[in-house]
Amino acid sequence: MKLKILLPLLFLVACGYAQPGDAELKDKIAQMLLVGFRGTELTDDNPVYHAVKTLHVGGVILFDYDVPSKSRPRNIQSAAQLKGLVAELQQLSPTTLWIAIDEEGGQVSRLKVNYGFPLTVPAKALGTLDDSATTAFSAASIAATLVAAGINLNLAPCTDVDVNPDCPVIGKLERSFSSDPEKVARHAGIWIAEHTKRGVLTCPKHFPGHGSASHDTHAGSADVTATWQPAELVPYQKLIAAGAVRLVMTSHIFHAGLDATAPATLSEAILTGLLREQLGFTGVIVSDDLAMGAIARHYSLKEAIEKAILAGVDVLCLSNNGATFDPHIAAKAIDIIYNAVKAGRITPQRIDQSYQRIMRIKNGE
């Protein structure tokens, strides 16, 4: 009788059904996602409702503009509306939900004046003035706005060094504090400290440096092999050494001298070898948006996710705000990672590494 009971169970296990730990594994995987969605209010028929409440995704990312439909609003209409949406999302989550936004100031601002938010200034203006008190005031104002809205993760500051002032996505948008890496490090440190005082996480970007690029990784590949400078690592070296950095965002730039085959986001040599082993970073590595052209035009979603995790990424940014919108992106990403673990391409230990790094920050450690 025992054998008759055992044989069906063995068959189920062999076929991959209801294996012990599957739910726990999927919960850990879900914490690795930062997902974009549509909607200015939360309704139970919105896919993000299911993603947060049932799938337990670790974070969401907010935008004011919907790229696929070329329209507004996406998530942001006003201060009162945003505060309500964020509160509902946070209440829905069984664990602390990272609610992220790109709020650098200047041209990279989702919380615009015409929605009722305070005016912000670009990093370049702060670096040019080079006054610590002004930088602190500007950063404190942004952080206070985020706190009022309930947003707990700012995907900023931009710690790229302004090597190429004509870089279409850094220099021309005045996102860099300076062409002097020491000045970038100093002002970024002030900026981070003002957010930290108010309980807002920051995420310096874009490692290992996007400032020398002549192309925009939103549109396609950006090869910096001939232009990138080691000085672009200085802000990260200084901020990491000072213990100021809990999260770092990757860049999709390609540098053949650092990795001859993969862009930075998918490069173990750059993320694990350079950022973790050489610079000593022990926090959470966040990918830049995997919907950007430098990744999406060359890799399938499955390839990009698997390669990013194997390279060392802990949190996958799936903005869902690129060429297309997929309401089921969270479930698809979880399945991709889960299946990769079950097939042996990614180990459960690798998932647990990322999960532990994420939860240490969420638990205030």
Protein backbone atom coordinates (compact mmCIF):
# COMPACT_ATOMS: atom_id res chain seq x y z
CA MET A 1 0.00 0.00 0.00
CA LYS A 2 2.83 2.39 0.87
CA LEU A 3 4.48 1.68 -2.46
CA LYS A 4 1.22 2.33 -4.34
CA ILE A 5 0.96 5.74 -2.65
CA LEU A 6 4.61 6.58 -3.15
CA LEU A 7 4.80 5.81 -6.88
CA PRO A 8 2.28 8.51 -7.95
CA LEU A 9 4.04 11.04 -5.74
CA LEU A 10 7.38 10.19 -7.29
CA PHE A 11 5.83 10.60 -10.73
CA LEU A 12 4.49 14.05 -9.82
CA VAL A 13 7.86 15.16 -8.49
CA ALA A 14 9.64 13.84 -11.59
CA CYS A 15 7.26 15.77 -13.84
CA GLY A 16 7.82 18.98 -11.89
CA TYR A 17 4.37 19.29 -10.35
CA ALA A 18 3.84 20.83 -6.90
CA GLN A 19 7.41 20.41 -5.80
CA PRO A 20 8.08 21.54 -2.25
CA GLY A 21 9.43 25.08 -2.17
CA ASP A 22 7.96 26.18 -5.50
CA ALA A 23 5.81 28.90 -3.92
CA GLU A 24 8.75 30.16 -1.87
CA LEU A 25 10.98 30.20 -4.95
CA LYS A 26 8.42 32.18 -6.94
CA ASP A 27 8.03 34.66 -4.09
CA LYS A 28 11.80 35.19 -4.05
CA ILE A 29 11.84 35.63 -7.82
CA ALA A 30 8.97 38.13 -7.64
CA GLN A 31 10.99 40.31 -5.27
CA MET A 32 13.51 40.73 -8.09
CA LEU A 33 11.05 42.59 -10.31
CA LEU A 34 10.47 46.33 -10.72
CA VAL A 35 7.45 46.52 -13.00
CA GLY A 36 5.78 49.33 -14.91
CA PHE A 37 2.02 49.53 -15.36
CA ARG A 38 -0.79 51.69 -16.66
CA GLY A 39 -3.35 53.45 -14.51
CA THR A 40 -3.75 56.52 -12.30
CA GLU A 41 -5.88 54.65 -9.77
CA LEU A 42 -5.88 51.09 -8.51
CA THR A 43 -8.75 48.81 -9.48
CA ASP A 44 -8.94 45.06 -8.98
CA ASP A 45 -9.10 44.48 -12.73
CA ASN A 46 -5.78 46.24 -13.33
CA PRO A 47 -3.01 43.64 -13.90
CA VAL A 48 -0.77 45.46 -11.41
CA TYR A 49 -3.31 44.64 -8.69
CA HIS A 50 -2.71 40.94 -9.31
CA ALA A 51 1.04 41.44 -9.70
CA VAL A 52 1.35 43.08 -6.28
CA LYS A 53 -1.29 41.23 -4.27
CA THR A 54 -1.01 37.70 -5.70
CA LEU A 55 2.40 37.45 -7.35
CA HIS A 56 4.08 39.60 -4.68
CA VAL A 57 6.34 41.58 -7.01
CA GLY A 58 8.97 43.52 -5.13
CA GLY A 59 8.49 46.87 -6.80
CA VAL A 60 6.74 49.06 -9.34
CA ILE A 61 7.99 52.02 -11.35
CA LEU A 62 5.95 55.14 -12.08
CA PHE A 63 5.83 57.29 -15.21
CA ASP A 64 3.88 60.35 -16.26
CA TYR A 65 4.08 59.55 -19.99
CA ASP A 66 3.05 56.34 -21.75
CA VAL A 67 5.54 55.70 -24.56
CA PRO A 68 3.69 52.93 -26.48
CA SER A 69 0.52 55.00 -26.84
CA LYS A 70 2.37 58.35 -26.89
CA SER A 71 -0.08 59.75 -24.38
CA ARG A 72 -0.59 61.10 -20.87
CA PRO A 73 -1.44 60.38 -18.15
CA ARG A 74 0.14 57.03 -17.36
CA ASN A 75 0.43 57.00 -13.56
CA ILE A 76 0.68 60.65 -12.55
CA GLN A 77 -1.93 63.43 -12.76
CA SER A 78 -1.63 65.39 -9.52
CA ALA A 79 -0.10 65.27 -6.06
CA ALA A 80 -3.33 64.09 -4.43
CA GLN A 81 -4.00 61.43 -7.08
CA LEU A 82 -0.42 60.13 -6.89
CA LYS A 83 -0.46 59.91 -3.10
CA GLY A 84 -3.68 57.88 -3.23
CA LEU A 85 -2.36 55.49 -5.89
CA VAL A 86 0.90 54.90 -4.02
CA ALA A 87 -0.88 54.30 -0.71
CA GLU A 88 -3.19 51.73 -2.29
CA LEU A 89 -0.28 49.91 -3.92
CA GLN A 90 1.69 49.81 -0.68
CA GLN A 91 -1.33 48.58 1.28
CA LEU A 92 -1.87 45.80 -1.24
CA SER A 93 1.63 44.37 -0.83
CA PRO A 94 2.37 41.75 1.86
CA THR A 95 5.92 43.14 2.18
CA THR A 96 7.40 46.60 1.71
CA LEU A 97 6.85 47.50 -1.92
CA TRP A 98 9.53 49.53 -3.65
CA ILE A 99 7.69 52.30 -5.44
CA ALA A 100 10.26 53.79 -7.77
CA ILE A 101 10.53 56.84 -9.95
CA ASP A 102 13.19 58.64 -12.02
CA GLU A 103 13.19 62.03 -10.34
CA GLU A 104 16.61 63.54 -11.06
CA GLY A 105 15.40 67.09 -11.58
CA GLY A 106 15.57 69.25 -14.67
CA GLN A 107 14.66 67.43 -17.88
CA VAL A 108 14.44 64.02 -16.19
CA SER A 109 11.46 64.63 -13.95
CA ARG A 110 8.20 62.69 -13.76
CA LEU A 111 6.74 65.08 -11.17
CA LYS A 112 6.32 68.13 -13.34
CA VAL A 113 5.21 71.63 -12.42
CA ASN A 114 2.06 71.35 -14.54
CA TYR A 115 0.94 68.42 -12.33
CA GLY A 116 1.32 70.65 -9.28
CA PHE A 117 4.80 69.65 -8.13
CA PRO A 118 7.70 72.00 -7.26
CA LEU A 119 10.13 73.17 -9.93
CA THR A 120 13.42 71.24 -10.03
CA VAL A 121 16.83 72.03 -11.48
CA PRO A 122 19.20 69.81 -13.49
CA ALA A 123 22.35 68.28 -12.03
CA LYS A 124 24.55 70.30 -14.39
CA ALA A 125 23.31 73.58 -12.90
CA LEU A 126 24.14 72.34 -9.41
CA GLY A 127 27.59 71.17 -10.43
CA THR A 128 28.32 74.42 -12.25
CA LEU A 129 27.33 76.49 -9.22
CA ASP A 130 29.27 74.04 -7.06
CA ASP A 131 27.67 75.14 -3.81
CA SER A 132 27.06 72.32 -1.33
CA ALA A 133 24.20 74.10 0.39
CA THR A 134 22.34 74.65 -2.88
CA THR A 135 22.75 71.02 -3.89
CA ALA A 136 21.52 69.94 -0.47
CA PHE A 137 18.51 72.25 -0.71
CA SER A 138 17.60 70.97 -4.18
CA ALA A 139 17.96 67.31 -3.20
CA ALA A 140 16.03 67.85 0.03
CA SER A 141 13.18 69.44 -1.91
CA ILE A 142 12.95 66.48 -4.28
CA ALA A 143 13.16 63.99 -1.41
CA ALA A 144 10.42 65.82 0.52
CA THR A 145 8.17 65.70 -2.56
CA LEU A 146 8.72 61.95 -2.81
CA VAL A 147 8.03 61.42 0.89
CA ALA A 148 4.77 63.35 0.60
CA ALA A 149 3.73 61.04 -2.24
CA GLY A 150 4.83 57.87 -0.43
CA ILE A 151 7.52 57.08 -3.02
CA ASN A 152 10.42 55.26 -1.35
CA LEU A 153 12.94 54.69 -4.17
CA ASN A 154 14.41 57.38 -6.40
CA LEU A 155 16.31 55.94 -9.37
CA ALA A 156 18.84 58.75 -9.12
CA PRO A 157 21.21 60.57 -8.92
CA CYS A 158 22.92 60.36 -12.28
CA THR A 159 26.56 59.77 -11.38
CA ASP A 160 27.77 59.72 -14.97
CA VAL A 161 30.78 61.91 -15.67
CA ASP A 162 30.18 64.47 -18.43
CA VAL A 163 32.97 63.20 -20.68
CA ASN A 164 31.03 63.93 -23.87
CA PRO A 165 28.82 67.03 -23.56
CA ASP A 166 27.09 65.94 -26.78
CA CYS A 167 25.99 62.58 -25.38
CA PRO A 168 22.30 62.63 -26.38
CA VAL A 169 21.03 61.05 -23.17
CA ILE A 170 23.44 62.48 -20.55
CA GLY A 171 25.34 65.62 -21.53
CA LYS A 172 22.67 67.18 -23.74
CA LEU A 173 20.01 66.59 -21.08
CA GLU A 174 22.24 68.19 -18.39
CA ARG A 175 21.99 65.08 -16.21
CA SER A 176 25.63 65.01 -15.13
CA PHE A 177 26.93 67.20 -12.32
CA SER A 178 30.29 67.74 -14.01
CA SER A 179 33.11 66.57 -16.24
CA ASP A 180 35.18 66.39 -13.03
CA PRO A 181 34.61 62.96 -11.41
CA GLU A 182 35.55 64.30 -7.97
CA LYS A 183 32.87 66.96 -8.25
CA VAL A 184 30.33 64.37 -9.43
CA ALA A 185 31.14 62.22 -6.40
CA ARG A 186 30.84 65.15 -3.99
CA HIS A 187 27.50 66.43 -5.24
CA ALA A 188 26.06 62.94 -5.66
CA GLY A 189 27.07 62.22 -2.06
CA ILE A 190 25.22 65.32 -0.85
CA TRP A 191 22.21 64.42 -2.97
CA ILE A 192 22.11 60.86 -1.60
CA ALA A 193 22.53 62.04 2.00
CA GLU A 194 19.51 64.37 1.78
CA HIS A 195 17.34 61.52 0.50
CA THR A 196 18.67 59.11 3.12
CA LYS A 197 17.84 61.56 5.93
CA ARG A 198 14.23 61.45 4.80
CA GLY A 199 14.02 57.70 4.35
CA VAL A 200 14.12 57.65 0.55
CA LEU A 201 16.40 55.11 -1.12
CA THR A 202 18.58 56.24 -4.00
CA CYS A 203 20.14 54.38 -6.90
CA PRO A 204 23.19 56.01 -8.53
CA LYS A 205 23.42 55.33 -12.27
CA HIS A 206 24.55 54.25 -14.91
CA PHE A 207 27.40 51.87 -14.06
CA PRO A 208 30.16 51.74 -15.31
CA GLY A 209 29.47 55.15 -16.90
CA HIS A 210 27.37 56.43 -19.78
CA GLY A 211 28.80 59.93 -20.02
CA SER A 212 31.24 59.28 -22.86
CA ALA A 213 28.68 57.68 -25.19
CA SER A 214 27.71 59.24 -28.50
CA HIS A 215 24.52 57.18 -28.82
CA ASP A 216 21.40 56.73 -26.70
CA THR A 217 20.85 53.22 -25.30
CA HIS A 218 17.10 53.86 -25.37
CA ALA A 219 17.33 53.68 -29.15
CA GLY A 220 20.05 51.08 -29.69
CA SER A 221 23.61 50.03 -28.92
CA ALA A 222 26.14 52.52 -27.56
CA ASP A 223 29.77 51.44 -27.97
CA VAL A 224 32.09 53.40 -25.65
CA THR A 225 35.17 51.24 -26.20
CA ALA A 226 37.16 54.15 -27.63
CA THR A 227 35.75 56.91 -25.42
CA TRP A 228 35.15 55.50 -21.93
CA GLN A 229 37.61 56.62 -19.24
CA PRO A 230 38.57 54.88 -15.96
CA ALA A 231 37.77 58.19 -14.24
CA GLU A 232 34.10 57.36 -14.81
CA LEU A 233 34.43 54.83 -11.98
CA VAL A 234 35.59 57.45 -9.47
CA PRO A 235 32.10 58.48 -8.24
CA TYR A 236 31.26 54.83 -7.56
CA GLN A 237 34.59 54.18 -5.85
CA LYS A 238 34.14 57.12 -3.51
CA LEU A 239 30.46 56.60 -2.76
CA ILE A 240 30.87 52.86 -2.14
CA ALA A 241 33.91 53.44 0.08
CA ALA A 242 31.90 55.98 2.09
CA GLY A 243 29.11 53.43 2.63
CA ALA A 244 26.62 55.75 0.94
CA VAL A 245 25.31 53.38 -1.70
CA ARG A 246 22.70 50.67 -1.16
CA LEU A 247 21.61 50.25 -4.80
CA VAL A 248 23.37 50.85 -8.13
CA MET A 249 21.79 50.90 -11.60
CA THR A 250 23.55 49.42 -14.60
CA SER A 251 24.12 50.91 -18.03
CA HIS A 252 23.51 49.15 -21.34
CA ILE A 253 26.72 50.58 -22.84
CA PHE A 254 29.13 48.22 -24.61
CA HIS A 255 32.86 48.33 -23.89
CA ALA A 256 34.93 45.67 -25.64
CA GLY A 257 37.84 46.26 -23.28
CA LEU A 258 35.68 45.40 -20.26
CA ASP A 259 33.62 42.67 -21.93
CA ALA A 260 34.08 41.68 -25.58
CA THR A 261 30.67 40.07 -25.96
CA ALA A 262 28.02 41.67 -23.75
CA PRO A 263 26.68 45.12 -22.78
CA ALA A 264 27.27 46.10 -19.16
CA THR A 265 23.83 45.03 -17.89
CA LEU A 266 24.43 41.50 -19.16
CA SER A 267 28.14 41.32 -18.29
CA GLU A 268 29.42 39.22 -15.41
CA ALA A 269 32.87 40.75 -15.92
CA ILE A 270 31.51 44.26 -15.37
CA LEU A 271 28.84 43.70 -12.71
CA THR A 272 30.38 40.89 -10.66
CA GLY A 273 34.05 41.30 -11.52
CA LEU A 274 34.34 45.09 -11.57
CA LEU A 275 31.48 46.40 -9.42
CA ARG A 276 31.34 43.70 -6.75
CA GLU A 277 34.83 42.22 -6.60
CA GLN A 278 37.02 45.21 -7.49
CA LEU A 279 34.94 48.07 -6.07
CA GLY A 280 33.54 46.06 -3.16
CA PHE A 281 29.86 46.77 -3.71
CA THR A 282 27.66 44.47 -1.59
CA GLY A 283 24.26 46.04 -2.17
CA VAL A 284 21.55 45.60 -4.78
CA ILE A 285 22.31 45.87 -8.49
CA VAL A 286 19.34 47.18 -10.48
CA SER A 287 19.24 46.80 -14.24
CA ASP A 288 18.47 49.74 -16.42
CA ASP A 289 15.21 49.18 -18.26
CA LEU A 290 15.30 45.95 -20.24
CA ALA A 291 12.82 47.44 -22.74
CA MET A 292 15.46 49.86 -24.02
CA GLY A 293 16.72 49.39 -27.56
CA ALA A 294 20.27 48.41 -26.60
CA ILE A 295 18.82 45.26 -25.03
CA ALA A 296 15.40 44.66 -26.63
CA ARG A 297 16.69 44.92 -30.20
CA HIS A 298 19.35 42.28 -29.66
CA TYR A 299 17.95 39.88 -27.04
CA SER A 300 14.61 38.26 -26.37
CA LEU A 301 13.03 38.96 -22.99
CA LYS A 302 14.01 35.45 -21.88
CA GLU A 303 17.63 35.90 -22.98
CA ALA A 304 17.91 39.34 -21.40
CA ILE A 305 16.47 38.24 -18.06
CA GLU A 306 18.59 35.11 -17.78
CA LYS A 307 21.80 36.83 -18.86
CA ALA A 308 21.20 39.77 -16.50
CA ILE A 309 20.73 37.50 -13.49
CA LEU A 310 23.78 35.41 -14.37
CA ALA A 311 25.77 38.63 -14.75
CA GLY A 312 24.84 39.70 -11.21
CA VAL A 313 21.67 41.80 -11.50
CA ASP A 314 19.42 41.57 -8.44
CA VAL A 315 16.44 43.66 -9.57
CA LEU A 316 15.17 43.60 -13.14
CA CYS A 317 13.64 46.86 -14.32
CA LEU A 318 10.74 46.02 -16.63
CA SER A 319 9.30 49.46 -17.32
CA ASN A 320 6.67 48.14 -19.73
CA ASN A 321 7.11 51.57 -21.28
CA GLY A 322 9.13 50.85 -24.39
CA ALA A 323 7.89 49.97 -27.84
CA THR A 324 5.04 47.83 -26.52
CA PHE A 325 3.00 47.31 -23.37
CA ASP A 326 2.41 43.85 -21.92
CA PRO A 327 -0.17 43.73 -19.09
CA HIS A 328 1.16 40.31 -18.04
CA ILE A 329 4.86 41.19 -17.97
CA ALA A 330 5.26 40.31 -14.26
CA ALA A 331 3.84 36.79 -14.61
CA LYS A 332 5.91 36.20 -17.76
CA ALA A 333 9.12 37.32 -16.08
CA ILE A 334 8.49 35.13 -13.03
CA ASP A 335 7.85 32.13 -15.28
CA ILE A 336 11.01 32.80 -17.28
CA ILE A 337 13.16 32.86 -14.16
CA TYR A 338 11.36 29.95 -12.49
CA ASN A 339 11.77 27.78 -15.59
CA ALA A 340 15.45 28.72 -15.85
CA VAL A 341 15.96 27.56 -12.26
CA LYS A 342 14.08 24.31 -12.86
CA ALA A 343 16.13 23.68 -16.01
CA GLY A 344 19.37 24.26 -14.10
CA ARG A 345 20.47 27.36 -16.02
CA ILE A 346 20.17 29.49 -12.87
CA THR A 347 20.72 28.01 -9.42
CA PRO A 348 18.31 28.47 -6.51
CA GLN A 349 21.31 29.83 -4.59
CA ARG A 350 21.73 32.62 -7.13
CA ILE A 351 18.08 33.64 -6.65
CA ASP A 352 18.51 33.53 -2.88
CA GLN A 353 21.55 35.82 -3.10
CA SER A 354 19.48 38.53 -4.75
CA TYR A 355 16.52 37.94 -2.45
CA GLN A 356 18.69 38.30 0.66
CA ARG A 357 20.28 41.51 -0.62
CA ILE A 358 16.86 42.99 -1.38
CA MET A 359 15.30 41.98 1.93
CA ARG A 360 18.22 43.30 3.97
CA ILE A 361 17.45 46.76 2.65
CA LYS A 362 13.69 46.36 2.96
CA ASN A 363 14.10 45.19 6.55
CA GLY A 364 16.22 48.22 7.38
CA GLU A 365 19.43 46.33 7.95
